[in-house]
Amino acid sequence: MRLTVAGGLILLVVALAAFASGAENPTVHVSTPPSALSTDGSWTATVDISRQGRPLSLMRPQLTIQSGRTKLSFVARPSGRDGRYRVHVTFPHHGHWTYGVWLGRHYARGGVVDVRSGAIPGGLAPSGGV
């Protein structure tokens, strides 16, 4: 009987350790904003979410932008590909903005974008991913 209980406890500890290691934070990748961005333009960001290399679907990521006291969040929508989401971001005023993605209680810092006021001649030129 002691052997069975001890064996059961060992299996329980191993199962809990395996579960805990699989519960690591997801990896979030956000596409780079356009190099020339103005308050007249917008940014359609692509957000890729995975855990241990596997795409995560059925998530509800929110891309957040902040400049000074102004903070806005935009809900990303599934793109049709597992683990990939798209979100349309507009900046209400020019300035230095930081961005990142909230995924439940997990925050993934994205980067910084400088937004100019007014239209940029020639329009927006999207750049590659981070």
C-alpha atoms as a PDB file:
ATOM      1  CA  MET A   1       0.000   0.000   0.000  1.00  0.00           C
ATOM      2  CA  ARG A   2       2.842   2.414   0.870  1.00  0.00           C
ATOM      3  CA  LEU A   3       4.477   1.717  -2.459  1.00  0.00           C
ATOM      4  CA  THR A   4       1.256   2.538  -4.339  1.00  0.00           C
ATOM      5  CA  VAL A   5       0.785   5.842  -2.486  1.00  0.00           C
ATOM      6  CA  ALA A   6       4.438   6.799  -3.014  1.00  0.00           C
ATOM      7  CA  GLY A   7       4.185   5.898  -6.704  1.00  0.00           C
ATOM      8  CA  GLY A   8       0.999   7.954  -7.003  1.00  0.00           C
ATOM      9  CA  LEU A   9       2.658  10.958  -5.360  1.00  0.00           C
ATOM     10  CA  ILE A  10       5.620  10.715  -7.700  1.00  0.00           C
ATOM     11  CA  LEU A  11       3.300  10.616 -10.718  1.00  0.00           C
ATOM     12  CA  LEU A  12       1.407  13.603  -9.366  1.00  0.00           C
ATOM     13  CA  VAL A  13       4.611  15.633  -8.919  1.00  0.00           C
ATOM     14  CA  VAL A  14       5.795  14.728 -12.437  1.00  0.00           C
ATOM     15  CA  ALA A  15       2.403  15.663 -13.915  1.00  0.00           C
ATOM     16  CA  LEU A  16       2.377  19.012 -12.097  1.00  0.00           C
ATOM     17  CA  ALA A  17       5.911  19.788 -13.277  1.00  0.00           C
ATOM     18  CA  ALA A  18       4.972  18.956 -16.866  1.00  0.00           C
ATOM     19  CA  PHE A  19       1.866  21.153 -16.617  1.00  0.00           C
ATOM     20  CA  ALA A  20       3.835  24.063 -15.125  1.00  0.00           C
ATOM     21  CA  SER A  21       6.482  23.926 -17.846  1.00  0.00           C
ATOM     22  CA  GLY A  22       3.762  24.006 -20.514  1.00  0.00           C
ATOM     23  CA  ALA A  23       2.190  27.062 -18.905  1.00  0.00           C
ATOM     24  CA  GLU A  24       4.974  29.407 -19.993  1.00  0.00           C
ATOM     25  CA  ASN A  25       3.978  32.789 -21.400  1.00  0.00           C
ATOM     26  CA  PRO A  26       3.110  32.867 -25.084  1.00  0.00           C
ATOM     27  CA  THR A  27       5.438  34.381 -27.659  1.00  0.00           C
ATOM     28  CA  VAL A  28       3.984  37.477 -29.310  1.00  0.00           C
ATOM     29  CA  HIS A  29       5.344  38.979 -32.528  1.00  0.00           C
ATOM     30  CA  VAL A  30       4.000  42.305 -33.840  1.00  0.00           C
ATOM     31  CA  SER A  31       4.676  43.560 -37.372  1.00  0.00           C
ATOM     32  CA  THR A  32       6.735  46.742 -37.617  1.00  0.00           C
ATOM     33  CA  PRO A  33       4.734  49.953 -38.115  1.00  0.00           C
ATOM     34  CA  PRO A  34       5.300  51.945 -41.313  1.00  0.00           C
ATOM     35  CA  SER A  35       8.458  54.060 -41.248  1.00  0.00           C
ATOM     36  CA  ALA A  36       6.479  57.157 -42.292  1.00  0.00           C
ATOM     37  CA  LEU A  37       3.301  57.476 -40.251  1.00  0.00           C
ATOM     38  CA  SER A  38       1.057  60.503 -39.855  1.00  0.00           C
ATOM     39  CA  THR A  39      -2.122  61.348 -37.975  1.00  0.00           C
ATOM     40  CA  ASP A  40      -3.930  61.138 -41.353  1.00  0.00           C
ATOM     41  CA  GLY A  41      -2.819  57.521 -41.766  1.00  0.00           C
ATOM     42  CA  SER A  42      -3.203  54.266 -39.954  1.00  0.00           C
ATOM     43  CA  TRP A  43      -1.370  51.025 -39.324  1.00  0.00           C
ATOM     44  CA  THR A  44      -2.810  47.568 -39.892  1.00  0.00           C
ATOM     45  CA  ALA A  45      -0.665  45.463 -37.593  1.00  0.00           C
ATOM     46  CA  THR A  46      -0.236  41.711 -37.760  1.00  0.00           C
ATOM     47  CA  VAL A  47       0.068  39.934 -34.414  1.00  0.00           C
ATOM     48  CA  ASP A  48       1.399  36.358 -34.309  1.00  0.00           C
ATOM     49  CA  ILE A  49       0.914  34.373 -31.097  1.00  0.00           C
ATOM     50  CA  SER A  50       2.492  31.009 -30.296  1.00  0.00           C
ATOM     51  CA  ARG A  51       3.580  28.867 -27.392  1.00  0.00           C
ATOM     52  CA  GLN A  52       6.539  26.543 -27.785  1.00  0.00           C
ATOM     53  CA  GLY A  53       6.431  27.123 -31.554  1.00  0.00           C
ATOM     54  CA  ARG A  54       2.751  26.211 -31.944  1.00  0.00           C
ATOM     55  CA  PRO A  55       0.262  28.868 -33.128  1.00  0.00           C
ATOM     56  CA  LEU A  56      -2.383  29.821 -30.552  1.00  0.00           C
ATOM     57  CA  SER A  57      -5.890  30.378 -31.830  1.00  0.00           C
ATOM     58  CA  LEU A  58      -8.996  31.552 -29.982  1.00  0.00           C
ATOM     59  CA  MET A  59      -7.029  34.314 -28.248  1.00  0.00           C
ATOM     60  CA  ARG A  60      -8.198  37.917 -27.689  1.00  0.00           C
ATOM     61  CA  PRO A  61      -5.115  40.104 -28.138  1.00  0.00           C
ATOM     62  CA  GLN A  62      -5.332  43.866 -27.704  1.00  0.00           C
ATOM     63  CA  LEU A  63      -2.742  46.194 -29.188  1.00  0.00           C
ATOM     64  CA  THR A  64      -2.257  49.197 -26.900  1.00  0.00           C
ATOM     65  CA  ILE A  65      -0.659  52.513 -27.860  1.00  0.00           C
ATOM     66  CA  GLN A  66       0.419  55.199 -25.408  1.00  0.00           C
ATOM     67  CA  SER A  67       1.778  58.726 -25.654  1.00  0.00           C
ATOM     68  CA  GLY A  68       1.916  60.732 -22.447  1.00  0.00           C
ATOM     69  CA  ARG A  69      -1.468  60.413 -20.741  1.00  0.00           C
ATOM     70  CA  THR A  70      -3.208  59.201 -23.901  1.00  0.00           C
ATOM     71  CA  LYS A  71      -3.658  55.433 -23.950  1.00  0.00           C
ATOM     72  CA  LEU A  72      -5.800  53.530 -26.457  1.00  0.00           C
ATOM     73  CA  SER A  73      -6.458  49.842 -27.042  1.00  0.00           C
ATOM     74  CA  PHE A  74      -7.500  48.134 -30.262  1.00  0.00           C
ATOM     75  CA  VAL A  75      -8.896  44.598 -30.348  1.00  0.00           C
ATOM     76  CA  ALA A  76      -7.187  42.283 -32.830  1.00  0.00           C
ATOM     77  CA  ARG A  77      -9.312  39.950 -34.965  1.00  0.00           C
ATOM     78  CA  PRO A  78      -8.387  36.497 -36.315  1.00  0.00           C
ATOM     79  CA  SER A  79      -6.886  36.693 -39.809  1.00  0.00           C
ATOM     80  CA  GLY A  80      -7.958  33.227 -40.912  1.00  0.00           C
ATOM     81  CA  ARG A  81      -4.567  31.676 -40.190  1.00  0.00           C
ATOM     82  CA  ASP A  82      -3.959  29.871 -36.878  1.00  0.00           C
ATOM     83  CA  GLY A  83      -2.236  32.120 -34.367  1.00  0.00           C
ATOM     84  CA  ARG A  84      -2.353  35.212 -36.605  1.00  0.00           C
ATOM     85  CA  TYR A  85      -4.431  38.302 -35.881  1.00  0.00           C
ATOM     86  CA  ARG A  86      -4.878  41.704 -37.529  1.00  0.00           C
ATOM     87  CA  VAL A  87      -5.626  45.002 -35.867  1.00  0.00           C
ATOM     88  CA  HIS A  88      -6.285  48.430 -37.398  1.00  0.00           C
ATOM     89  CA  VAL A  89      -4.577  51.197 -35.382  1.00  0.00           C
ATOM     90  CA  THR A  90      -5.148  54.939 -35.735  1.00  0.00           C
ATOM     91  CA  PHE A  91      -3.185  57.578 -33.856  1.00  0.00           C
ATOM     92  CA  PRO A  92      -5.251  60.545 -32.599  1.00  0.00           C
ATOM     93  CA  HIS A  93      -2.355  63.014 -32.541  1.00  0.00           C
ATOM     94  CA  HIS A  94       1.290  63.353 -33.504  1.00  0.00           C
ATOM     95  CA  GLY A  95       4.048  62.445 -31.090  1.00  0.00           C
ATOM     96  CA  HIS A  96       6.197  59.664 -29.699  1.00  0.00           C
ATOM     97  CA  TRP A  97       4.084  56.508 -29.127  1.00  0.00           C
ATOM     98  CA  THR A  98       4.910  53.184 -27.506  1.00  0.00           C
ATOM     99  CA  TYR A  99       2.969  50.054 -28.367  1.00  0.00           C
ATOM    100  CA  GLY A 100       2.539  46.543 -27.075  1.00  0.00           C
ATOM    101  CA  VAL A 101       0.092  43.660 -26.913  1.00  0.00           C
ATOM    102  CA  TRP A 102      -2.021  42.534 -23.968  1.00  0.00           C
ATOM    103  CA  LEU A 103      -2.958  38.873 -23.984  1.00  0.00           C
ATOM    104  CA  GLY A 104      -4.972  38.272 -20.841  1.00  0.00           C
ATOM    105  CA  ARG A 105      -2.620  39.238 -17.990  1.00  0.00           C
ATOM    106  CA  HIS A 106       0.487  38.898 -20.179  1.00  0.00           C
ATOM    107  CA  TYR A 107       1.962  42.058 -21.772  1.00  0.00           C
ATOM    108  CA  ALA A 108       4.401  41.885 -24.670  1.00  0.00           C
ATOM    109  CA  ARG A 109       6.269  45.135 -25.261  1.00  0.00           C
ATOM    110  CA  GLY A 110       6.329  46.056 -28.941  1.00  0.00           C
ATOM    111  CA  GLY A 111       8.327  49.187 -29.602  1.00  0.00           C
ATOM    112  CA  VAL A 112       8.127  52.870 -30.432  1.00  0.00           C
ATOM    113  CA  VAL A 113       6.700  54.801 -33.355  1.00  0.00           C
ATOM    114  CA  ASP A 114       6.954  58.521 -34.108  1.00  0.00           C
ATOM    115  CA  VAL A 115       3.802  59.960 -35.661  1.00  0.00           C
ATOM    116  CA  ARG A 116       3.953  63.196 -37.635  1.00  0.00           C
ATOM    117  CA  SER A 117       1.043  65.584 -37.988  1.00  0.00           C
ATOM    118  CA  GLY A 118      -0.747  65.859 -41.349  1.00  0.00           C
ATOM    119  CA  ALA A 119      -0.331  63.877 -44.538  1.00  0.00           C
ATOM    120  CA  ILE A 120       3.004  62.498 -45.667  1.00  0.00           C
ATOM    121  CA  PRO A 121       3.758  63.007 -49.389  1.00  0.00           C
ATOM    122  CA  GLY A 122       3.647  59.722 -51.277  1.00  0.00           C
ATOM    123  CA  GLY A 123       1.523  57.950 -48.654  1.00  0.00           C
ATOM    124  CA  LEU A 124       2.580  55.192 -46.296  1.00  0.00           C
ATOM    125  CA  ALA A 125       5.299  52.706 -47.059  1.00  0.00           C
ATOM    126  CA  PRO A 126       4.875  49.540 -44.963  1.00  0.00           C
ATOM    127  CA  SER A 127       7.998  47.828 -43.719  1.00  0.00           C
ATOM    128  CA  GLY A 128       8.793  44.239 -42.716  1.00  0.00           C
ATOM    129  CA  GLY A 129       8.235  42.431 -39.389  1.00  0.00           C
ATOM    130  CA  VAL A 130      10.126  42.751 -36.138  1.00  0.00           C
END
